[in-house]
Amino acid sequence: MLSAKRIKQLWEELQIPQRQLAAALEIETPMYSKIERGERPTKREQILTIAGLLKADEIAIVGEEKEFARKAFKVAQQKINQI
């Protein structure tokens, strides 16, 4: 999943309307909003498209998610160990 916080930060900095990003992904703006809020998973192709439009390094954006995933995995392990 792509970092919603990072996507929003970048499009605000570049002043790119959400509807333009949605059009580039060939989806409706409400669906794009769900991606941005983290309510809908992002496909790899969409990550590449968004990264290109926002002039962002795909690896840097995905890297944020990897750190979040590591933290989530640690919490899950702790919960399992408590059971």
PDB file of N, CA and C in Angstrom:
ATOM      1  N   MET A   1       0.843  -1.177   0.000  1.00  0.00           N
ATOM      2  CA  MET A   1       0.000   0.000   0.000  1.00  0.00           C
ATOM      3  C   MET A   1       0.879   1.228   0.000  1.00  0.00           C
ATOM      4  N   LEU A   2       0.487   2.219  -0.687  1.00  0.00           N
ATOM      5  CA  LEU A   2       1.210   3.471  -0.780  1.00  0.00           C
ATOM      6  C   LEU A   2       0.862   4.353   0.395  1.00  0.00           C
ATOM      7  N   SER A   3       1.843   5.095   0.895  1.00  0.00           N
ATOM      8  CA  SER A   3       1.629   5.958   2.039  1.00  0.00           C
ATOM      9  C   SER A   3       0.670   7.100   1.695  1.00  0.00           C
ATOM     10  N   ALA A   4      -0.501   7.064   2.298  1.00  0.00           N
ATOM     11  CA  ALA A   4      -1.507   8.097   2.038  1.00  0.00           C
ATOM     12  C   ALA A   4      -0.999   9.471   2.452  1.00  0.00           C
ATOM     13  N   LYS A   5      -0.328   9.511   3.570  1.00  0.00           N
ATOM     14  CA  LYS A   5       0.197  10.779   4.078  1.00  0.00           C
ATOM     15  C   LYS A   5       1.193  11.382   3.082  1.00  0.00           C
ATOM     16  N   ARG A   6       2.055  10.532   2.535  1.00  0.00           N
ATOM     17  CA  ARG A   6       3.067  10.998   1.584  1.00  0.00           C
ATOM     18  C   ARG A   6       2.433  11.443   0.269  1.00  0.00           C
ATOM     19  N   ILE A   7       1.444  10.717  -0.204  1.00  0.00           N
ATOM     20  CA  ILE A   7       0.761  11.099  -1.448  1.00  0.00           C
ATOM     21  C   ILE A   7       0.142  12.486  -1.290  1.00  0.00           C
ATOM     22  N   LYS A   8      -0.588  12.674  -0.204  1.00  0.00           N
ATOM     23  CA  LYS A   8      -1.269  13.953   0.012  1.00  0.00           C
ATOM     24  C   LYS A   8      -0.256  15.089   0.111  1.00  0.00           C
ATOM     25  N   GLN A   9       0.820  14.857   0.833  1.00  0.00           N
ATOM     26  CA  GLN A   9       1.863  15.881   0.985  1.00  0.00           C
ATOM     27  C   GLN A   9       2.418  16.292  -0.380  1.00  0.00           C
ATOM     28  N   LEU A  10       2.707  15.306  -1.222  1.00  0.00           N
ATOM     29  CA  LEU A  10       3.295  15.597  -2.527  1.00  0.00           C
ATOM     30  C   LEU A  10       2.333  16.317  -3.459  1.00  0.00           C
ATOM     31  N   TRP A  11       1.080  15.856  -3.521  1.00  0.00           N
ATOM     32  CA  TRP A  11       0.176  16.525  -4.465  1.00  0.00           C
ATOM     33  C   TRP A  11      -0.173  17.924  -4.001  1.00  0.00           C
ATOM     34  N   GLU A  12      -0.167  18.155  -2.687  1.00  0.00           N
ATOM     35  CA  GLU A  12      -0.402  19.512  -2.195  1.00  0.00           C
ATOM     36  C   GLU A  12       0.779  20.418  -2.544  1.00  0.00           C
ATOM     37  N   GLU A  13       2.007  19.902  -2.392  1.00  0.00           N
ATOM     38  CA  GLU A  13       3.201  20.686  -2.733  1.00  0.00           C
ATOM     39  C   GLU A  13       3.219  21.053  -4.211  1.00  0.00           C
ATOM     40  N   LEU A  14       2.848  20.111  -5.064  1.00  0.00           N
ATOM     41  CA  LEU A  14       2.867  20.335  -6.513  1.00  0.00           C
ATOM     42  C   LEU A  14       1.571  20.961  -7.025  1.00  0.00           C
ATOM     43  N   GLN A  15       0.599  21.120  -6.144  1.00  0.00           N
ATOM     44  CA  GLN A  15      -0.709  21.704  -6.490  1.00  0.00           C
ATOM     45  C   GLN A  15      -1.384  20.947  -7.643  1.00  0.00           C
ATOM     46  N   ILE A  16      -1.361  19.621  -7.533  1.00  0.00           N
ATOM     47  CA  ILE A  16      -2.026  18.769  -8.519  1.00  0.00           C
ATOM     48  C   ILE A  16      -3.389  18.382  -7.953  1.00  0.00           C
ATOM     49  N   PRO A  17      -4.462  18.667  -8.672  1.00  0.00           N
ATOM     50  CA  PRO A  17      -5.795  18.311  -8.173  1.00  0.00           C
ATOM     51  C   PRO A  17      -5.990  16.796  -8.083  1.00  0.00           C
ATOM     52  N   GLN A  18      -6.765  16.378  -7.100  1.00  0.00           N
ATOM     53  CA  GLN A  18      -7.075  14.956  -6.942  1.00  0.00           C
ATOM     54  C   GLN A  18      -7.707  14.391  -8.202  1.00  0.00           C
ATOM     55  N   ARG A  19      -8.557  15.154  -8.828  1.00  0.00           N
ATOM     56  CA  ARG A  19      -9.243  14.659 -10.029  1.00  0.00           C
ATOM     57  C   ARG A  19      -8.247  14.349 -11.145  1.00  0.00           C
ATOM     58  N   GLN A  20      -7.123  15.086 -11.197  1.00  0.00           N
ATOM     59  CA  GLN A  20      -6.108  14.816 -12.207  1.00  0.00           C
ATOM     60  C   GLN A  20      -5.395  13.494 -11.900  1.00  0.00           C
ATOM     61  N   LEU A  21      -5.108  13.256 -10.638  1.00  0.00           N
ATOM     62  CA  LEU A  21      -4.484  11.989 -10.256  1.00  0.00           C
ATOM     63  C   LEU A  21      -5.440  10.831 -10.527  1.00  0.00           C
ATOM     64  N   ALA A  22      -6.707  11.026 -10.188  1.00  0.00           N
ATOM     65  CA  ALA A  22      -7.704   9.977 -10.433  1.00  0.00           C
ATOM     66  C   ALA A  22      -7.809   9.668 -11.927  1.00  0.00           C
ATOM     67  N   ALA A  23      -7.818  10.711 -12.745  1.00  0.00           N
ATOM     68  CA  ALA A  23      -7.910  10.514 -14.197  1.00  0.00           C
ATOM     69  C   ALA A  23      -6.702   9.747 -14.723  1.00  0.00           C
ATOM     70  N   ALA A  24      -5.522  10.052 -14.200  1.00  0.00           N
ATOM     71  CA  ALA A  24      -4.306   9.357 -14.635  1.00  0.00           C
ATOM     72  C   ALA A  24      -4.358   7.876 -14.271  1.00  0.00           C
ATOM     73  N   LEU A  25      -5.044   7.566 -13.167  1.00  0.00           N
ATOM     74  CA  LEU A  25      -5.187   6.172 -12.740  1.00  0.00           C
ATOM     75  C   LEU A  25      -6.386   5.495 -13.392  1.00  0.00           C
ATOM     76  N   GLU A  26      -7.157   6.288 -14.144  1.00  0.00           N
ATOM     77  CA  GLU A  26      -8.367   5.811 -14.819  1.00  0.00           C
ATOM     78  C   GLU A  26      -9.389   5.279 -13.822  1.00  0.00           C
ATOM     79  N   ILE A  27      -9.551   6.044 -12.731  1.00  0.00           N
ATOM     80  CA  ILE A  27     -10.557   5.731 -11.715  1.00  0.00           C
ATOM     81  C   ILE A  27     -11.299   7.014 -11.362  1.00  0.00           C
ATOM     82  N   GLU A  28     -12.408   6.870 -10.669  1.00  0.00           N
ATOM     83  CA  GLU A  28     -13.183   8.029 -10.230  1.00  0.00           C
ATOM     84  C   GLU A  28     -12.481   8.692  -9.035  1.00  0.00           C
ATOM     85  N   THR A  29     -12.721   9.983  -8.852  1.00  0.00           N
ATOM     86  CA  THR A  29     -12.103  10.725  -7.752  1.00  0.00           C
ATOM     87  C   THR A  29     -12.430  10.125  -6.386  1.00  0.00           C
ATOM     88  N   PRO A  30     -13.679   9.700  -6.110  1.00  0.00           N
ATOM     89  CA  PRO A  30     -13.948   9.087  -4.799  1.00  0.00           C
ATOM     90  C   PRO A  30     -13.115   7.823  -4.551  1.00  0.00           C
ATOM     91  N   MET A  31     -12.863   7.042  -5.597  1.00  0.00           N
ATOM     92  CA  MET A  31     -12.042   5.844  -5.445  1.00  0.00           C
ATOM     93  C   MET A  31     -10.604   6.254  -5.130  1.00  0.00           C
ATOM     94  N   TYR A  32     -10.122   7.300  -5.805  1.00  0.00           N
ATOM     95  CA  TYR A  32      -8.780   7.801  -5.529  1.00  0.00           C
ATOM     96  C   TYR A  32      -8.685   8.276  -4.079  1.00  0.00           C
ATOM     97  N   SER A  33      -9.719   8.934  -3.593  1.00  0.00           N
ATOM     98  CA  SER A  33      -9.734   9.404  -2.202  1.00  0.00           C
ATOM     99  C   SER A  33      -9.583   8.242  -1.227  1.00  0.00           C
ATOM    100  N   LYS A  34     -10.203   7.113  -1.554  1.00  0.00           N
ATOM    101  CA  LYS A  34     -10.077   5.925  -0.701  1.00  0.00           C
ATOM    102  C   LYS A  34      -8.641   5.416  -0.680  1.00  0.00           C
ATOM    103  N   ILE A  35      -7.975   5.468  -1.817  1.00  0.00           N
ATOM    104  CA  ILE A  35      -6.567   5.065  -1.872  1.00  0.00           C
ATOM    105  C   ILE A  35      -5.753   5.986  -0.975  1.00  0.00           C
ATOM    106  N   GLU A  36      -6.005   7.252  -1.109  1.00  0.00           N
ATOM    107  CA  GLU A  36      -5.263   8.251  -0.346  1.00  0.00           C
ATOM    108  C   GLU A  36      -5.487   8.119   1.162  1.00  0.00           C
ATOM    109  N   ARG A  37      -6.678   7.720   1.545  1.00  0.00           N
ATOM    110  CA  ARG A  37      -6.986   7.546   2.970  1.00  0.00           C
ATOM    111  C   ARG A  37      -6.546   6.178   3.491  1.00  0.00           C
ATOM    112  N   GLY A  38      -6.043   5.348   2.592  1.00  0.00           N
ATOM    113  CA  GLY A  38      -5.595   4.023   2.996  1.00  0.00           C
ATOM    114  C   GLY A  38      -6.729   3.024   3.141  1.00  0.00           C
ATOM    115  N   GLU A  39      -7.898   3.344   2.593  1.00  0.00           N
ATOM    116  CA  GLU A  39      -9.060   2.465   2.689  1.00  0.00           C
ATOM    117  C   GLU A  39      -9.125   1.464   1.542  1.00  0.00           C
ATOM    118  N   ARG A  40      -8.290   1.656   0.562  1.00  0.00           N
ATOM    119  CA  ARG A  40      -8.270   0.764  -0.602  1.00  0.00           C
ATOM    120  C   ARG A  40      -6.818   0.482  -0.940  1.00  0.00           C
ATOM    121  N   PRO A  41      -6.460  -0.786  -1.183  1.00  0.00           N
ATOM    122  CA  PRO A  41      -5.075  -1.096  -1.527  1.00  0.00           C
ATOM    123  C   PRO A  41      -4.670  -0.471  -2.861  1.00  0.00           C
ATOM    124  N   THR A  42      -3.398  -0.175  -2.977  1.00  0.00           N
ATOM    125  CA  THR A  42      -2.865   0.416  -4.195  1.00  0.00           C
ATOM    126  C   THR A  42      -2.139  -0.654  -4.990  1.00  0.00           C
ATOM    127  N   LYS A  43      -2.477  -0.757  -6.255  1.00  0.00           N
ATOM    128  CA  LYS A  43      -1.811  -1.718  -7.130  1.00  0.00           C
ATOM    129  C   LYS A  43      -0.432  -1.179  -7.519  1.00  0.00           C
ATOM    130  N   ARG A  44       0.469  -2.085  -7.846  1.00  0.00           N
ATOM    131  CA  ARG A  44       1.832  -1.669  -8.221  1.00  0.00           C
ATOM    132  C   ARG A  44       1.815  -0.679  -9.383  1.00  0.00           C
ATOM    133  N   GLU A  45       0.969  -0.926 -10.370  1.00  0.00           N
ATOM    134  CA  GLU A  45       0.888  -0.023 -11.519  1.00  0.00           C
ATOM    135  C   GLU A  45       0.459   1.374 -11.076  1.00  0.00           C
ATOM    136  N   GLN A  46      -0.455   1.414 -10.101  1.00  0.00           N
ATOM    137  CA  GLN A  46      -0.920   2.703  -9.597  1.00  0.00           C
ATOM    138  C   GLN A  46       0.192   3.428  -8.845  1.00  0.00           C
ATOM    139  N   ILE A  47       1.005   2.670  -8.111  1.00  0.00           N
ATOM    140  CA  ILE A  47       2.131   3.274  -7.406  1.00  0.00           C
ATOM    141  C   ILE A  47       3.077   3.930  -8.405  1.00  0.00           C
ATOM    142  N   LEU A  48       3.367   3.222  -9.488  1.00  0.00           N
ATOM    143  CA  LEU A  48       4.266   3.765 -10.504  1.00  0.00           C
ATOM    144  C   LEU A  48       3.680   5.022 -11.145  1.00  0.00           C
ATOM    145  N   THR A  49       2.377   4.996 -11.435  1.00  0.00           N
ATOM    146  CA  THR A  49       1.723   6.150 -12.047  1.00  0.00           C
ATOM    147  C   THR A  49       1.737   7.348 -11.101  1.00  0.00           C
ATOM    148  N   ILE A  50       1.343   7.124  -9.857  1.00  0.00           N
ATOM    149  CA  ILE A  50       1.310   8.211  -8.875  1.00  0.00           C
ATOM    150  C   ILE A  50       2.711   8.766  -8.656  1.00  0.00           C
ATOM    151  N   ALA A  51       3.689   7.886  -8.494  1.00  0.00           N
ATOM    152  CA  ALA A  51       5.072   8.325  -8.283  1.00  0.00           C
ATOM    153  C   ALA A  51       5.553   9.175  -9.452  1.00  0.00           C
ATOM    154  N   GLY A  52       5.206   8.768 -10.662  1.00  0.00           N
ATOM    155  CA  GLY A  52       5.597   9.536 -11.844  1.00  0.00           C
ATOM    156  C   GLY A  52       4.952  10.908 -11.873  1.00  0.00           C
ATOM    157  N   LEU A  53       3.671  10.971 -11.595  1.00  0.00           N
ATOM    158  CA  LEU A  53       2.965  12.250 -11.594  1.00  0.00           C
ATOM    159  C   LEU A  53       3.467  13.189 -10.507  1.00  0.00           C
ATOM    160  N   LEU A  54       3.783  12.617  -9.362  1.00  0.00           N
ATOM    161  CA  LEU A  54       4.210  13.435  -8.232  1.00  0.00           C
ATOM    162  C   LEU A  54       5.720  13.651  -8.210  1.00  0.00           C
ATOM    163  N   LYS A  55       6.378  13.149  -9.240  1.00  0.00           N
ATOM    164  CA  LYS A  55       7.835  13.275  -9.344  1.00  0.00           C
ATOM    165  C   LYS A  55       8.511  12.765  -8.082  1.00  0.00           C
ATOM    166  N   ALA A  56       8.037  11.619  -7.615  1.00  0.00           N
ATOM    167  CA  ALA A  56       8.546  11.019  -6.388  1.00  0.00           C
ATOM    168  C   ALA A  56       9.213   9.699  -6.700  1.00  0.00           C
ATOM    169  N   ASP A  57      10.142   9.332  -5.884  1.00  0.00           N
ATOM    170  CA  ASP A  57      10.821   8.048  -6.014  1.00  0.00           C
ATOM    171  C   ASP A  57       9.906   6.974  -5.438  1.00  0.00           C
ATOM    172  N   GLU A  58       9.516   6.036  -6.263  1.00  0.00           N
ATOM    173  CA  GLU A  58       8.612   4.953  -5.835  1.00  0.00           C
ATOM    174  C   GLU A  58       9.176   4.221  -4.626  1.00  0.00           C
ATOM    175  N   ILE A  59      10.470   3.978  -4.625  1.00  0.00           N
ATOM    176  CA  ILE A  59      11.092   3.232  -3.537  1.00  0.00           C
ATOM    177  C   ILE A  59      10.981   4.000  -2.229  1.00  0.00           C
ATOM    178  N   ALA A  60      11.165   5.310  -2.271  1.00  0.00           N
ATOM    179  CA  ALA A  60      11.063   6.123  -1.060  1.00  0.00           C
ATOM    180  C   ALA A  60       9.643   6.092  -0.513  1.00  0.00           C
ATOM    181  N   ILE A  61       8.664   6.168  -1.384  1.00  0.00           N
ATOM    182  CA  ILE A  61       7.275   6.146  -0.939  1.00  0.00           C
ATOM    183  C   ILE A  61       6.939   4.782  -0.344  1.00  0.00           C
ATOM    184  N   VAL A  62       7.306   3.721  -1.032  1.00  0.00           N
ATOM    185  CA  VAL A  62       7.018   2.385  -0.543  1.00  0.00           C
ATOM    186  C   VAL A  62       7.818   2.107   0.724  1.00  0.00           C
ATOM    187  N   GLY A  63       9.003   2.687   0.839  1.00  0.00           N
ATOM    188  CA  GLY A  63       9.838   2.502   2.020  1.00  0.00           C
ATOM    189  C   GLY A  63       9.137   2.905   3.295  1.00  0.00           C
ATOM    190  N   GLU A  64       8.351   3.965   3.243  1.00  0.00           N
ATOM    191  CA  GLU A  64       7.580   4.387   4.410  1.00  0.00           C
ATOM    192  C   GLU A  64       6.637   3.273   4.845  1.00  0.00           C
ATOM    193  N   GLU A  65       6.040   2.602   3.900  1.00  0.00           N
ATOM    194  CA  GLU A  65       5.109   1.528   4.196  1.00  0.00           C
ATOM    195  C   GLU A  65       5.838   0.325   4.793  1.00  0.00           C
ATOM    196  N   LYS A  66       7.059   0.083   4.343  1.00  0.00           N
ATOM    197  CA  LYS A  66       7.821  -1.043   4.881  1.00  0.00           C
ATOM    198  C   LYS A  66       8.078  -0.843   6.371  1.00  0.00           C
ATOM    199  N   GLU A  67       8.425   0.371   6.768  1.00  0.00           N
ATOM    200  CA  GLU A  67       8.666   0.647   8.187  1.00  0.00           C
ATOM    201  C   GLU A  67       7.382   0.455   8.993  1.00  0.00           C
ATOM    202  N   PHE A  68       6.268   0.919   8.446  1.00  0.00           N
ATOM    203  CA  PHE A  68       4.979   0.734   9.106  1.00  0.00           C
ATOM    204  C   PHE A  68       4.670  -0.759   9.237  1.00  0.00           C
ATOM    205  N   ALA A  69       4.950  -1.520   8.184  1.00  0.00           N
ATOM    206  CA  ALA A  69       4.688  -2.961   8.206  1.00  0.00           C
ATOM    207  C   ALA A  69       5.543  -3.655   9.264  1.00  0.00           C
ATOM    208  N   ARG A  70       6.795  -3.244   9.389  1.00  0.00           N
ATOM    209  CA  ARG A  70       7.662  -3.834  10.419  1.00  0.00           C
ATOM    210  C   ARG A  70       7.083  -3.595  11.810  1.00  0.00           C
ATOM    211  N   LYS A  71       6.644  -2.369  12.059  1.00  0.00           N
ATOM    212  CA  LYS A  71       6.074  -2.039  13.373  1.00  0.00           C
ATOM    213  C   LYS A  71       4.797  -2.843  13.622  1.00  0.00           C
ATOM    214  N   ALA A  72       3.957  -2.948  12.609  1.00  0.00           N
ATOM    215  CA  ALA A  72       2.706  -3.692  12.744  1.00  0.00           C
ATOM    216  C   ALA A  72       2.993  -5.167  13.016  1.00  0.00           C
ATOM    217  N   PHE A  73       4.004  -5.712  12.348  1.00  0.00           N
ATOM    218  CA  PHE A  73       4.368  -7.114  12.550  1.00  0.00           C
ATOM    219  C   PHE A  73       4.848  -7.336  13.984  1.00  0.00           C
ATOM    220  N   LYS A  74       5.637  -6.402  14.518  1.00  0.00           N
ATOM    221  CA  LYS A  74       6.124  -6.525  15.896  1.00  0.00           C
ATOM    222  C   LYS A  74       4.959  -6.536  16.882  1.00  0.00           C
ATOM    223  N   VAL A  75       4.003  -5.644  16.672  1.00  0.00           N
ATOM    224  CA  VAL A  75       2.831  -5.588  17.543  1.00  0.00           C
ATOM    225  C   VAL A  75       2.059  -6.901  17.465  1.00  0.00           C
ATOM    226  N   ALA A  76       1.896  -7.421  16.260  1.00  0.00           N
ATOM    227  CA  ALA A  76       1.170  -8.687  16.079  1.00  0.00           C
ATOM    228  C   ALA A  76       1.908  -9.819  16.789  1.00  0.00           C
ATOM    229  N   GLN A  77       3.240  -9.844  16.693  1.00  0.00           N
ATOM    230  CA  GLN A  77       4.005 -10.879  17.377  1.00  0.00           C
ATOM    231  C   GLN A  77       3.821 -10.781  18.903  1.00  0.00           C
ATOM    232  N   GLN A  78       3.831  -9.588  19.424  1.00  0.00           N
ATOM    233  CA  GLN A  78       3.655  -9.386  20.862  1.00  0.00           C
ATOM    234  C   GLN A  78       2.280  -9.882  21.302  1.00  0.00           C
ATOM    235  N   LYS A  79       1.266  -9.581  20.511  1.00  0.00           N
ATOM    236  CA  LYS A  79      -0.100 -10.013  20.849  1.00  0.00           C
ATOM    237  C   LYS A  79      -0.192 -11.548  20.840  1.00  0.00           C
ATOM    238  N   ILE A  80       0.441 -12.157  19.844  1.00  0.00           N
ATOM    239  CA  ILE A  80       0.435 -13.620  19.740  1.00  0.00           C
ATOM    240  C   ILE A  80       1.139 -14.240  20.947  1.00  0.00           C
ATOM    241  N   ASN A  81       2.263 -13.651  21.311  1.00  0.00           N
ATOM    242  CA  ASN A  81       3.023 -14.163  22.449  1.00  0.00           C
ATOM    243  C   ASN A  81       2.251 -14.048  23.771  1.00  0.00           C
ATOM    244  N   GLN A  82       1.358 -13.069  23.874  1.00  0.00           N
ATOM    245  CA  GLN A  82       0.548 -12.886  25.078  1.00  0.00           C
ATOM    246  C   GLN A  82      -0.530 -13.941  25.208  1.00  0.00           C
ATOM    247  N   ILE A  83      -0.928 -14.504  24.073  1.00  0.00           N
ATOM    248  CA  ILE A  83      -2.007 -15.504  24.073  1.00  0.00           C
ATOM    249  C   ILE A  83      -1.528 -16.798  24.549  1.00  0.00           C
TER     250      ILE A  83
END
